Amino acid sequence: MRQQNIKEINKDDLVDIRSVVVDTSLPPEQRMMDYLEKIKNPYCFRCGDAVVSIHFADKGNSLDSLLKNYFLGLKRS
């Protein structure tokens, strides 16, 4: 699994996340492995006709921090 350049991806080769069914009866670790086997590449998949490519920065603000700032900004508006 790796991050790919979205311009080099054949979207027909990607798994549509809407078709992935997670077995919630499994323990968390097995559930995660089941999901990864089904989605094939968690960094790049489809949602309908849209290609979704996920990237994470090595440094910078955490998602938690970004979401807090976002919602605080909404609250002030």
PDB file of N, CA and C in Angstrom:
ATOM      1  N   MET A   1       0.846  -1.178   0.000  1.00  0.00           N
ATOM      2  CA  MET A   1       0.000   0.000   0.000  1.00  0.00           C
ATOM      3  C   MET A   1       0.886   1.233   0.000  1.00  0.00           C
ATOM      4  N   ARG A   2       0.582   2.130  -0.887  1.00  0.00           N
ATOM      5  CA  ARG A   2       1.361   3.352  -0.941  1.00  0.00           C
ATOM      6  C   ARG A   2       0.507   4.452  -1.528  1.00  0.00           C
ATOM      7  N   GLN A   3       0.981   5.666  -1.326  1.00  0.00           N
ATOM      8  CA  GLN A   3       0.296   6.793  -1.926  1.00  0.00           C
ATOM      9  C   GLN A   3       0.711   6.868  -3.389  1.00  0.00           C
ATOM     10  N   GLN A   4      -0.227   7.203  -4.251  1.00  0.00           N
ATOM     11  CA  GLN A   4       0.033   7.251  -5.678  1.00  0.00           C
ATOM     12  C   GLN A   4      -0.345   8.615  -6.219  1.00  0.00           C
ATOM     13  N   ASN A   5       0.257   8.957  -7.356  1.00  0.00           N
ATOM     14  CA  ASN A   5      -0.111  10.170  -8.059  1.00  0.00           C
ATOM     15  C   ASN A   5      -1.487   9.936  -8.677  1.00  0.00           C
ATOM     16  N   ILE A   6      -2.432  10.784  -8.332  1.00  0.00           N
ATOM     17  CA  ILE A   6      -3.819  10.593  -8.768  1.00  0.00           C
ATOM     18  C   ILE A   6      -3.952  10.630 -10.293  1.00  0.00           C
ATOM     19  N   LYS A   7      -3.028  11.310 -10.973  1.00  0.00           N
ATOM     20  CA  LYS A   7      -3.077  11.384 -12.437  1.00  0.00           C
ATOM     21  C   LYS A   7      -2.659  10.075 -13.102  1.00  0.00           C
ATOM     22  N   GLU A   8      -1.969   9.213 -12.360  1.00  0.00           N
ATOM     23  CA  GLU A   8      -1.484   7.951 -12.913  1.00  0.00           C
ATOM     24  C   GLU A   8      -2.406   6.772 -12.597  1.00  0.00           C
ATOM     25  N   ILE A   9      -3.529   7.040 -11.973  1.00  0.00           N
ATOM     26  CA  ILE A   9      -4.395   5.972 -11.478  1.00  0.00           C
ATOM     27  C   ILE A   9      -5.514   5.675 -12.467  1.00  0.00           C
ATOM     28  N   ASN A  10      -5.730   4.396 -12.729  1.00  0.00           N
ATOM     29  CA  ASN A  10      -6.881   3.958 -13.513  1.00  0.00           C
ATOM     30  C   ASN A  10      -8.023   3.741 -12.519  1.00  0.00           C
ATOM     31  N   LYS A  11      -9.021   4.608 -12.554  1.00  0.00           N
ATOM     32  CA  LYS A  11     -10.071   4.536 -11.528  1.00  0.00           C
ATOM     33  C   LYS A  11     -10.846   3.224 -11.562  1.00  0.00           C
ATOM     34  N   ASP A  12     -10.833   2.525 -12.698  1.00  0.00           N
ATOM     35  CA  ASP A  12     -11.516   1.231 -12.773  1.00  0.00           C
ATOM     36  C   ASP A  12     -10.806   0.157 -11.948  1.00  0.00           C
ATOM     37  N   ASP A  13      -9.535   0.397 -11.608  1.00  0.00           N
ATOM     38  CA  ASP A  13      -8.778  -0.553 -10.783  1.00  0.00           C
ATOM     39  C   ASP A  13      -9.015  -0.345  -9.291  1.00  0.00           C
ATOM     40  N   LEU A  14      -9.681   0.755  -8.929  1.00  0.00           N
ATOM     41  CA  LEU A  14      -9.879   1.086  -7.516  1.00  0.00           C
ATOM     42  C   LEU A  14     -11.159   0.467  -6.969  1.00  0.00           C
ATOM     43  N   VAL A  15     -11.138   0.170  -5.689  1.00  0.00           N
ATOM     44  CA  VAL A  15     -12.313  -0.369  -4.997  1.00  0.00           C
ATOM     45  C   VAL A  15     -13.241   0.794  -4.640  1.00  0.00           C
ATOM     46  N   ASP A  16     -14.527   0.620  -4.888  1.00  0.00           N
ATOM     47  CA  ASP A  16     -15.520   1.617  -4.480  1.00  0.00           C
ATOM     48  C   ASP A  16     -15.829   1.386  -2.999  1.00  0.00           C
ATOM     49  N   ILE A  17     -15.513   2.377  -2.179  1.00  0.00           N
ATOM     50  CA  ILE A  17     -15.664   2.236  -0.725  1.00  0.00           C
ATOM     51  C   ILE A  17     -17.111   1.947  -0.330  1.00  0.00           C
ATOM     52  N   ARG A  18     -18.056   2.330  -1.182  1.00  0.00           N
ATOM     53  CA  ARG A  18     -19.465   2.077  -0.862  1.00  0.00           C
ATOM     54  C   ARG A  18     -19.792   0.587  -0.868  1.00  0.00           C
ATOM     55  N   SER A  19     -18.947  -0.211  -1.541  1.00  0.00           N
ATOM     56  CA  SER A  19     -19.197  -1.654  -1.598  1.00  0.00           C
ATOM     57  C   SER A  19     -18.493  -2.415  -0.476  1.00  0.00           C
ATOM     58  N   VAL A  20     -17.692  -1.723   0.316  1.00  0.00           N
ATOM     59  CA  VAL A  20     -16.947  -2.378   1.393  1.00  0.00           C
ATOM     60  C   VAL A  20     -17.844  -2.505   2.625  1.00  0.00           C
ATOM     61  N   VAL A  21     -18.036  -3.726   3.066  1.00  0.00           N
ATOM     62  CA  VAL A  21     -18.842  -3.995   4.258  1.00  0.00           C
ATOM     63  C   VAL A  21     -17.904  -4.488   5.349  1.00  0.00           C
ATOM     64  N   VAL A  22     -17.884  -3.777   6.464  1.00  0.00           N
ATOM     65  CA  VAL A  22     -17.013  -4.127   7.579  1.00  0.00           C
ATOM     66  C   VAL A  22     -17.756  -5.083   8.505  1.00  0.00           C
ATOM     67  N   ASP A  23     -17.107  -6.178   8.830  1.00  0.00           N
ATOM     68  CA  ASP A  23     -17.687  -7.172   9.737  1.00  0.00           C
ATOM     69  C   ASP A  23     -17.484  -6.692  11.171  1.00  0.00           C
ATOM     70  N   THR A  24     -18.506  -6.083  11.739  1.00  0.00           N
ATOM     71  CA  THR A  24     -18.398  -5.501  13.085  1.00  0.00           C
ATOM     72  C   THR A  24     -18.379  -6.543  14.193  1.00  0.00           C
ATOM     73  N   SER A  25     -18.583  -7.804  13.836  1.00  0.00           N
ATOM     74  CA  SER A  25     -18.520  -8.854  14.855  1.00  0.00           C
ATOM     75  C   SER A  25     -17.074  -9.266  15.155  1.00  0.00           C
ATOM     76  N   LEU A  26     -16.150  -8.849  14.302  1.00  0.00           N
ATOM     77  CA  LEU A  26     -14.741  -9.194  14.502  1.00  0.00           C
ATOM     78  C   LEU A  26     -14.111  -8.306  15.570  1.00  0.00           C
ATOM     79  N   PRO A  27     -13.072  -8.793  16.243  1.00  0.00           N
ATOM     80  CA  PRO A  27     -12.317  -7.938  17.165  1.00  0.00           C
ATOM     81  C   PRO A  27     -11.659  -6.802  16.367  1.00  0.00           C
ATOM     82  N   PRO A  28     -11.355  -5.668  17.009  1.00  0.00           N
ATOM     83  CA  PRO A  28     -10.843  -4.492  16.291  1.00  0.00           C
ATOM     84  C   PRO A  28      -9.670  -4.769  15.340  1.00  0.00           C
ATOM     85  N   GLU A  29      -8.683  -5.529  15.773  1.00  0.00           N
ATOM     86  CA  GLU A  29      -7.522  -5.770  14.915  1.00  0.00           C
ATOM     87  C   GLU A  29      -7.909  -6.568  13.670  1.00  0.00           C
ATOM     88  N   GLN A  30      -8.733  -7.582  13.837  1.00  0.00           N
ATOM     89  CA  GLN A  30      -9.183  -8.378  12.689  1.00  0.00           C
ATOM     90  C   GLN A  30     -10.116  -7.567  11.795  1.00  0.00           C
ATOM     91  N   ARG A  31     -10.914  -6.699  12.404  1.00  0.00           N
ATOM     92  CA  ARG A  31     -11.812  -5.828  11.640  1.00  0.00           C
ATOM     93  C   ARG A  31     -10.993  -4.914  10.729  1.00  0.00           C
ATOM     94  N   MET A  32      -9.902  -4.364  11.272  1.00  0.00           N
ATOM     95  CA  MET A  32      -9.039  -3.492  10.485  1.00  0.00           C
ATOM     96  C   MET A  32      -8.399  -4.277   9.335  1.00  0.00           C
ATOM     97  N   MET A  33      -7.931  -5.486   9.608  1.00  0.00           N
ATOM     98  CA  MET A  33      -7.322  -6.308   8.561  1.00  0.00           C
ATOM     99  C   MET A  33      -8.349  -6.676   7.489  1.00  0.00           C
ATOM    100  N   ASP A  34      -9.558  -6.976   7.900  1.00  0.00           N
ATOM    101  CA  ASP A  34     -10.634  -7.287   6.965  1.00  0.00           C
ATOM    102  C   ASP A  34     -10.902  -6.087   6.054  1.00  0.00           C
ATOM    103  N   TYR A  35     -10.966  -4.901   6.640  1.00  0.00           N
ATOM    104  CA  TYR A  35     -11.188  -3.677   5.862  1.00  0.00           C
ATOM    105  C   TYR A  35     -10.047  -3.459   4.867  1.00  0.00           C
ATOM    106  N   LEU A  36      -8.801  -3.595   5.338  1.00  0.00           N
ATOM    107  CA  LEU A  36      -7.649  -3.369   4.466  1.00  0.00           C
ATOM    108  C   LEU A  36      -7.615  -4.360   3.308  1.00  0.00           C
ATOM    109  N   GLU A  37      -7.984  -5.602   3.557  1.00  0.00           N
ATOM    110  CA  GLU A  37      -8.036  -6.594   2.481  1.00  0.00           C
ATOM    111  C   GLU A  37      -9.100  -6.224   1.451  1.00  0.00           C
ATOM    112  N   LYS A  38     -10.213  -5.690   1.908  1.00  0.00           N
ATOM    113  CA  LYS A  38     -11.311  -5.353   0.999  1.00  0.00           C
ATOM    114  C   LYS A  38     -11.041  -4.069   0.221  1.00  0.00           C
ATOM    115  N   ILE A  39     -10.484  -3.046   0.865  1.00  0.00           N
ATOM    116  CA  ILE A  39     -10.268  -1.758   0.203  1.00  0.00           C
ATOM    117  C   ILE A  39      -9.007  -1.785  -0.656  1.00  0.00           C
ATOM    118  N   LYS A  40      -8.100  -2.690  -0.378  1.00  0.00           N
ATOM    119  CA  LYS A  40      -6.823  -2.908  -1.079  1.00  0.00           C
ATOM    120  C   LYS A  40      -5.826  -1.776  -0.841  1.00  0.00           C
ATOM    121  N   ASN A  41      -6.190  -0.541  -1.078  1.00  0.00           N
ATOM    122  CA  ASN A  41      -5.284   0.584  -0.835  1.00  0.00           C
ATOM    123  C   ASN A  41      -6.059   1.668  -0.083  1.00  0.00           C
ATOM    124  N   PRO A  42      -5.841   1.804   1.225  1.00  0.00           N
ATOM    125  CA  PRO A  42      -6.605   2.791   1.997  1.00  0.00           C
ATOM    126  C   PRO A  42      -6.244   4.237   1.667  1.00  0.00           C
ATOM    127  N   TYR A  43      -5.176   4.429   0.903  1.00  0.00           N
ATOM    128  CA  TYR A  43      -4.766   5.773   0.507  1.00  0.00           C
ATOM    129  C   TYR A  43      -5.419   6.220  -0.793  1.00  0.00           C
ATOM    130  N   CYS A  44      -5.969   5.288  -1.541  1.00  0.00           N
ATOM    131  CA  CYS A  44      -6.560   5.642  -2.827  1.00  0.00           C
ATOM    132  C   CYS A  44      -7.679   4.655  -3.152  1.00  0.00           C
ATOM    133  N   PHE A  45      -8.893   5.186  -3.285  1.00  0.00           N
ATOM    134  CA  PHE A  45     -10.059   4.353  -3.562  1.00  0.00           C
ATOM    135  C   PHE A  45     -11.092   5.217  -4.261  1.00  0.00           C
ATOM    136  N   ARG A  46     -12.200   4.624  -4.624  1.00  0.00           N
ATOM    137  CA  ARG A  46     -13.282   5.377  -5.254  1.00  0.00           C
ATOM    138  C   ARG A  46     -14.454   5.510  -4.302  1.00  0.00           C
ATOM    139  N   CYS A  47     -15.224   6.550  -4.519  1.00  0.00           N
ATOM    140  CA  CYS A  47     -16.535   6.706  -3.902  1.00  0.00           C
ATOM    141  C   CYS A  47     -17.448   7.095  -5.057  1.00  0.00           C
ATOM    142  N   GLY A  48     -18.092   6.093  -5.645  1.00  0.00           N
ATOM    143  CA  GLY A  48     -18.845   6.336  -6.872  1.00  0.00           C
ATOM    144  C   GLY A  48     -17.866   6.613  -8.002  1.00  0.00           C
ATOM    145  N   ASP A  49     -18.065   7.727  -8.703  1.00  0.00           N
ATOM    146  CA  ASP A  49     -17.172   8.102  -9.800  1.00  0.00           C
ATOM    147  C   ASP A  49     -15.988   8.939  -9.335  1.00  0.00           C
ATOM    148  N   ALA A  50     -15.987   9.327  -8.066  1.00  0.00           N
ATOM    149  CA  ALA A  50     -14.911  10.187  -7.552  1.00  0.00           C
ATOM    150  C   ALA A  50     -13.745   9.352  -7.030  1.00  0.00           C
ATOM    151  N   VAL A  51     -12.540   9.728  -7.440  1.00  0.00           N
ATOM    152  CA  VAL A  51     -11.327   9.102  -6.915  1.00  0.00           C
ATOM    153  C   VAL A  51     -10.935   9.854  -5.650  1.00  0.00           C
ATOM    154  N   VAL A  52     -10.720   9.118  -4.575  1.00  0.00           N
ATOM    155  CA  VAL A  52     -10.330   9.702  -3.290  1.00  0.00           C
ATOM    156  C   VAL A  52      -8.882   9.314  -3.033  1.00  0.00           C
ATOM    157  N   SER A  53      -8.031  10.323  -2.857  1.00  0.00           N
ATOM    158  CA  SER A  53      -6.620  10.084  -2.573  1.00  0.00           C
ATOM    159  C   SER A  53      -6.291  10.789  -1.263  1.00  0.00           C
ATOM    160  N   ILE A  54      -5.765  10.041  -0.310  1.00  0.00           N
ATOM    161  CA  ILE A  54      -5.502  10.571   1.025  1.00  0.00           C
ATOM    162  C   ILE A  54      -4.002  10.684   1.236  1.00  0.00           C
ATOM    163  N   HIS A  55      -3.577  11.833   1.748  1.00  0.00           N
ATOM    164  CA  HIS A  55      -2.165  12.075   2.038  1.00  0.00           C
ATOM    165  C   HIS A  55      -2.049  12.622   3.444  1.00  0.00           C
ATOM    166  N   PHE A  56      -0.978  12.272   4.117  1.00  0.00           N
ATOM    167  CA  PHE A  56      -0.711  12.765   5.461  1.00  0.00           C
ATOM    168  C   PHE A  56       0.645  13.451   5.465  1.00  0.00           C
ATOM    169  N   ALA A  57       0.721  14.586   6.127  1.00  0.00           N
ATOM    170  CA  ALA A  57       1.985  15.308   6.253  1.00  0.00           C
ATOM    171  C   ALA A  57       2.801  14.712   7.394  1.00  0.00           C
ATOM    172  N   ASP A  58       4.112  14.660   7.196  1.00  0.00           N
ATOM    173  CA  ASP A  58       4.990  14.170   8.258  1.00  0.00           C
ATOM    174  C   ASP A  58       4.995  15.115   9.450  1.00  0.00           C
ATOM    175  N   LYS A  59       4.899  16.390   9.160  1.00  0.00           N
ATOM    176  CA  LYS A  59       4.918  17.404  10.219  1.00  0.00           C
ATOM    177  C   LYS A  59       3.715  18.310  10.037  1.00  0.00           C
ATOM    178  N   GLY A  60       3.361  18.992  11.093  1.00  0.00           N
ATOM    179  CA  GLY A  60       2.247  19.920  10.992  1.00  0.00           C
ATOM    180  C   GLY A  60       1.214  19.654  12.061  1.00  0.00           C
ATOM    181  N   ASN A  61       0.102  20.338  11.936  1.00  0.00           N
ATOM    182  CA  ASN A  61      -0.967  20.208  12.916  1.00  0.00           C
ATOM    183  C   ASN A  61      -1.641  18.844  12.810  1.00  0.00           C
ATOM    184  N   SER A  62      -2.100  18.352  13.940  1.00  0.00           N
ATOM    185  CA  SER A  62      -2.829  17.085  13.950  1.00  0.00           C
ATOM    186  C   SER A  62      -4.251  17.320  13.437  1.00  0.00           C
ATOM    187  N   LEU A  63      -4.899  16.256  13.019  1.00  0.00           N
ATOM    188  CA  LEU A  63      -6.286  16.353  12.578  1.00  0.00           C
ATOM    189  C   LEU A  63      -7.157  16.883  13.707  1.00  0.00           C
ATOM    190  N   ASP A  64      -6.899  16.430  14.919  1.00  0.00           N
ATOM    191  CA  ASP A  64      -7.642  16.883  16.088  1.00  0.00           C
ATOM    192  C   ASP A  64      -7.549  18.402  16.229  1.00  0.00           C
ATOM    193  N   SER A  65      -6.347  18.934  16.121  1.00  0.00           N
ATOM    194  CA  SER A  65      -6.132  20.373  16.243  1.00  0.00           C
ATOM    195  C   SER A  65      -6.829  21.132  15.113  1.00  0.00           C
ATOM    196  N   LEU A  66      -6.725  20.630  13.906  1.00  0.00           N
ATOM    197  CA  LEU A  66      -7.366  21.289  12.764  1.00  0.00           C
ATOM    198  C   LEU A  66      -8.882  21.312  12.906  1.00  0.00           C
ATOM    199  N   LEU A  67      -9.463  20.199  13.342  1.00  0.00           N
ATOM    200  CA  LEU A  67     -10.915  20.145  13.517  1.00  0.00           C
ATOM    201  C   LEU A  67     -11.380  21.076  14.630  1.00  0.00           C
ATOM    202  N   LYS A  68     -10.641  21.125  15.731  1.00  0.00           N
ATOM    203  CA  LYS A  68     -10.995  22.042  16.822  1.00  0.00           C
ATOM    204  C   LYS A  68     -11.001  23.476  16.327  1.00  0.00           C
ATOM    205  N   ASN A  69      -9.953  23.868  15.604  1.00  0.00           N
ATOM    206  CA  ASN A  69      -9.878  25.231  15.078  1.00  0.00           C
ATOM    207  C   ASN A  69     -11.003  25.510  14.092  1.00  0.00           C
ATOM    208  N   TYR A  70     -11.321  24.541  13.264  1.00  0.00           N
ATOM    209  CA  TYR A  70     -12.399  24.698  12.293  1.00  0.00           C
ATOM    210  C   TYR A  70     -13.732  24.954  12.993  1.00  0.00           C
ATOM    211  N   PHE A  71     -14.064  24.118  13.981  1.00  0.00           N
ATOM    212  CA  PHE A  71     -15.348  24.257  14.663  1.00  0.00           C
ATOM    213  C   PHE A  71     -15.396  25.492  15.555  1.00  0.00           C
ATOM    214  N   LEU A  72     -14.263  25.884  16.122  1.00  0.00           N
ATOM    215  CA  LEU A  72     -14.230  27.139  16.882  1.00  0.00           C
ATOM    216  C   LEU A  72     -14.497  28.315  15.956  1.00  0.00           C
ATOM    217  N   GLY A  73     -13.961  28.260  14.750  1.00  0.00           N
ATOM    218  CA  GLY A  73     -14.209  29.310  13.762  1.00  0.00           C
ATOM    219  C   GLY A  73     -15.674  29.375  13.364  1.00  0.00           C
ATOM    220  N   LEU A  74     -16.317  28.236  13.224  1.00  0.00           N
ATOM    221  CA  LEU A  74     -17.745  28.211  12.904  1.00  0.00           C
ATOM    222  C   LEU A  74     -18.572  28.798  14.043  1.00  0.00           C
ATOM    223  N   LYS A  75     -18.158  28.492  15.259  1.00  0.00           N
ATOM    224  CA  LYS A  75     -18.889  28.961  16.437  1.00  0.00           C
ATOM    225  C   LYS A  75     -18.840  30.487  16.536  1.00  0.00           C
ATOM    226  N   ARG A  76     -17.702  31.073  16.138  1.00  0.00           N
ATOM    227  CA  ARG A  76     -17.525  32.531  16.207  1.00  0.00           C
ATOM    228  C   ARG A  76     -18.325  33.257  15.132  1.00  0.00           C
ATOM    229  N   SER A  77     -18.633  32.569  14.039  1.00  0.00           N
ATOM    230  CA  SER A  77     -19.330  33.214  12.908  1.00  0.00           C
ATOM    231  C   SER A  77     -20.781  33.470  13.201  1.00  0.00           C
TER     232      SER A  77
END
